[in-house]
C-alpha cells in the first residue's frame, strides 16, 4: 500500500471517530498540533522515530502528554499509529484529515493576499463575498504582500483571482508598449 493510501485510511478512521463524538474540528486541531510539535522539536522527534525506544514507552509518553487536553479516543488513535510504526506519517495524516474535513463540511481554504494588513471588518466582508462566489464556506488565510501595491489576490486550490494594482499596471504597460503611435498601425 502506498503511503498516501495509508495516510488517507488513518485520516478516514479519525474522521469517523470524530464524527461519532461530534468533535470533527477539535480532532483536526489536535492532530495538527501534535504533528507540529513533533516536527518542531528534534529531540522529541528523535524519541518517536527511533526504533530503539520501545513502542510501549512511546505510547505511555503520548498518554502522559495528552491526558488532560485530548479525548481518550484521540490518544488511542495516536497510540495505534505508534503501535504500527507509522508515526513518521503523522504530518501527512493530519493533512489528509484536513482535506477530508473540508469536503465533509463543504468548505474551501483561500489564501488572500493584500498590500496592507486587513482589519477584522474587511476580513469578514471578504470572507462573505468569497462564500457567495464559491457557494461554500470559505476559510481565508490573509497574507500581506506590499509588492501588490493595492487590490487583492485570492488563491483557492489551482485557481487565482488577481485584482491587484500591480497586475493592472502590468496590463496597462503591455497595452501601451504594443499600441503604435497615433493609435493605428501605419500602412507603410
Protein backbone atom coordinates (compact mmCIF):
# COMPACT_ATOMS: atom_id res chain seq x y z
CA UNK A 1 0.00 0.00 0.00
CA UNK A 2 1.29 3.46 -0.88
CA UNK A 3 1.91 5.94 1.95
CA UNK A 4 -0.80 8.28 0.63
CA UNK A 5 -3.33 5.45 0.78
CA UNK A 6 -2.23 4.57 4.31
CA UNK A 7 -2.49 8.22 5.37
CA UNK A 8 -5.95 8.50 3.82
CA UNK A 9 -7.10 5.35 5.65
CA UNK A 10 -5.90 6.68 9.01
CA UNK A 11 -7.48 10.07 8.33
CA UNK A 12 -10.80 8.44 7.42
CA UNK A 13 -10.69 6.40 10.62
CA UNK A 14 -10.01 9.50 12.71
CA UNK A 15 -12.82 11.35 10.97
CA UNK A 16 -15.26 8.51 11.70
CA UNK A 17 -14.34 8.61 15.40
CA UNK A 18 -14.52 12.41 15.46
CA UNK A 19 -17.96 12.41 13.81
CA UNK A 20 -19.25 9.85 16.30
CA UNK A 21 -18.04 12.06 19.17
CA UNK A 22 -19.09 15.30 17.41
CA UNK A 23 -15.52 16.65 17.63
CA UNK A 24 -14.53 16.88 13.98
CA UNK A 25 -12.80 20.25 14.16
CA UNK A 26 -11.35 19.59 17.62
CA UNK A 27 -9.65 16.41 16.39
CA UNK A 28 -8.31 18.35 13.41
CA UNK A 29 -6.78 20.96 15.68
CA UNK A 30 -5.32 18.24 17.92
CA UNK A 31 -3.70 16.19 15.16
CA UNK A 32 -2.34 19.34 13.54
CA UNK A 33 -0.89 20.48 16.89
CA UNK A 34 0.68 17.08 17.62
CA UNK A 35 2.22 16.92 14.13
CA UNK A 36 3.51 20.48 14.54
CA UNK A 37 5.08 19.81 17.93
CA UNK A 38 6.69 16.64 16.67
CA UNK A 39 8.08 18.37 13.56
CA UNK A 40 9.32 21.36 15.55
CA UNK A 41 11.18 19.50 18.30
CA UNK A 42 14.18 17.47 17.06
CA UNK A 43 14.69 15.78 20.43
CA UNK A 44 11.06 14.66 20.63
CA UNK A 45 11.16 13.61 17.01
CA UNK A 46 14.26 11.54 17.74
CA UNK A 47 12.45 9.69 20.53
CA UNK A 48 9.35 8.95 18.46
CA UNK A 49 11.19 7.97 15.31
CA UNK A 50 13.85 5.84 16.98
CA UNK A 51 13.43 2.07 16.73
CA UNK A 52 15.50 1.83 19.95
CA UNK A 53 12.72 3.40 22.04
CA UNK A 54 10.10 0.72 22.79
CA UNK A 55 6.61 1.29 21.42
CA UNK A 56 5.13 0.94 24.90
CA UNK A 57 7.31 3.83 26.11
CA UNK A 58 6.18 6.00 23.20
CA UNK A 59 2.53 5.15 23.87
CA UNK A 60 2.95 5.97 27.55
CA UNK A 61 4.55 9.33 26.67
CA UNK A 62 1.59 10.15 24.39
CA UNK A 63 -0.89 9.36 27.15
CA UNK A 64 1.00 11.42 29.75
CA UNK A 65 1.36 14.40 27.43
CA UNK A 66 -2.25 14.46 26.22
CA UNK A 67 -4.41 13.02 29.00
CA UNK A 68 -5.56 16.48 30.18
CA UNK A 69 -6.06 18.03 26.74
CA UNK A 70 -7.33 15.32 24.39
CA UNK A 71 -10.17 12.80 24.43
CA UNK A 72 -9.21 9.20 25.20
CA UNK A 73 -10.26 8.11 21.70
CA UNK A 74 -7.79 10.57 20.16
CA UNK A 75 -4.99 9.34 22.42
CA UNK A 76 -5.81 5.74 21.48
CA UNK A 77 -5.69 6.70 17.81
CA UNK A 78 -2.16 8.11 18.19
CA UNK A 79 -1.11 5.07 20.16
CA UNK A 80 -2.38 2.82 17.36
CA UNK A 81 -0.25 4.77 14.88
CA UNK A 82 2.80 4.23 17.10
CA UNK A 83 1.96 0.55 17.61
CA UNK A 84 2.04 0.04 13.84
CA UNK A 85 5.27 2.06 13.46
CA UNK A 86 3.60 4.76 11.35
CA UNK A 87 4.41 7.84 13.45
CA UNK A 88 6.59 9.17 10.63
CA UNK A 89 3.33 9.69 8.68
CA UNK A 90 1.67 11.91 11.29
CA UNK A 91 2.04 15.19 9.37
CA UNK A 92 0.68 13.57 6.20
CA UNK A 93 -2.23 12.04 8.13
CA UNK A 94 -3.01 15.49 9.56
CA UNK A 95 -3.02 16.96 6.05
CA UNK A 96 -5.30 14.22 4.72
CA UNK A 97 -7.62 14.71 7.70
CA UNK A 98 -7.89 18.44 6.97
CA UNK A 99 -8.83 17.72 3.36
CA UNK A 100 -11.47 15.19 4.43
CA UNK A 101 -12.94 17.62 6.94
CA UNK A 102 -13.06 20.38 4.33
CA UNK A 103 -15.03 18.12 2.00
CA UNK A 104 -17.21 16.89 4.87
CA UNK A 105 -18.05 20.47 5.93
CA UNK A 106 -18.26 21.71 2.31
CA UNK A 107 -15.60 24.37 2.74
CA UNK A 108 -12.51 25.60 0.97
CA UNK A 109 -9.37 27.43 2.05
CA UNK A 110 -8.46 30.68 0.35
CA UNK A 111 -5.12 32.46 0.53
CA UNK A 112 -5.98 36.15 0.40
CA UNK A 113 -3.08 38.49 -0.31
CA UNK A 114 -3.32 42.24 0.14
CA UNK A 115 -0.82 45.10 0.07
CA UNK A 116 -1.64 46.12 3.64
CA UNK A 117 -2.97 44.27 6.68
CA UNK A 118 -6.73 43.69 6.61
CA UNK A 119 -8.84 44.91 9.51
CA UNK A 120 -11.43 42.49 11.00
CA UNK A 121 -14.42 44.21 9.38
CA UNK A 122 -12.91 43.98 5.89
CA UNK A 123 -11.80 40.39 6.57
CA UNK A 124 -15.41 39.41 7.34
CA UNK A 125 -16.65 41.19 4.21
CA UNK A 126 -14.06 39.38 2.06
CA UNK A 127 -14.97 36.04 3.64
CA UNK A 128 -18.70 36.61 2.99
CA UNK A 129 -18.09 37.62 -0.62
CA UNK A 130 -15.88 34.60 -1.26
CA UNK A 131 -18.55 32.34 0.26
CA UNK A 132 -21.04 33.71 -2.27
CA UNK A 133 -18.60 33.30 -5.17
CA UNK A 134 -17.69 29.69 -4.28
CA UNK A 135 -21.08 28.69 -2.84
CA UNK A 136 -19.18 27.13 0.09
CA UNK A 137 -17.92 28.11 3.47
CA UNK A 138 -14.54 29.80 2.91
CA UNK A 139 -11.68 29.87 5.41
CA UNK A 140 -9.50 32.81 4.39
CA UNK A 141 -5.80 32.87 5.26
CA UNK A 142 -4.68 36.50 4.99
CA UNK A 143 -1.17 37.44 3.85
CA UNK A 144 0.35 40.88 3.43
CA UNK A 145 2.37 41.43 0.24
CA UNK A 146 3.35 45.10 -0.17
CA UNK A 147 4.52 44.41 -3.75
CA UNK A 148 0.84 44.14 -4.81
CA UNK A 149 0.59 47.93 -4.32
CA UNK A 150 -3.19 47.65 -3.77
CA UNK A 151 -6.16 45.43 -4.51
CA UNK A 152 -6.39 41.74 -3.68
CA UNK A 153 -5.19 38.35 -4.93
CA UNK A 154 -7.18 35.25 -3.97
CA UNK A 155 -5.91 31.68 -4.41
CA UNK A 156 -8.26 28.75 -3.94
CA UNK A 157 -6.66 25.48 -4.96
CA UNK A 158 -5.39 25.92 -8.52
CA UNK A 159 -7.50 29.00 -9.18
CA UNK A 160 -6.05 32.50 -8.84
CA UNK A 161 -8.11 35.68 -8.96
CA UNK A 162 -5.74 38.62 -9.34
CA UNK A 163 -7.34 42.01 -8.76
CA UNK A 164 -4.09 43.66 -7.66
CA UNK A 165 -2.95 47.09 -8.72
CA UNK A 166 0.38 45.52 -9.72
CA UNK A 167 -1.39 43.31 -12.30
CA UNK A 168 -3.47 46.20 -13.62
CA UNK A 169 -0.34 48.32 -14.08
CA UNK A 170 1.38 45.46 -15.94
CA UNK A 171 -1.62 45.12 -18.27
CA UNK A 172 -1.63 48.87 -18.91
CA UNK A 173 2.11 48.84 -19.60
CA UNK A 174 1.74 45.96 -22.08
CA UNK A 175 -1.08 47.74 -23.90
CA UNK A 176 0.94 50.95 -24.11
CA UNK A 177 4.01 49.15 -25.42
CA UNK A 178 2.06 47.27 -28.08
CA UNK A 179 -0.02 50.13 -29.47
CA UNK A 180 1.64 52.02 -32.35
CA UNK A 181 1.93 55.81 -32.10
CA UNK A 182 -1.19 57.56 -33.22
CA UNK A 183 -3.33 54.65 -32.09
CA UNK A 184 -3.30 52.84 -35.50
CA UNK A 185 -0.89 50.76 -37.46
CA UNK A 186 0.52 52.73 -40.38
CA UNK A 187 0.22 51.34 -43.90
CA UNK A 188 3.70 51.97 -44.69
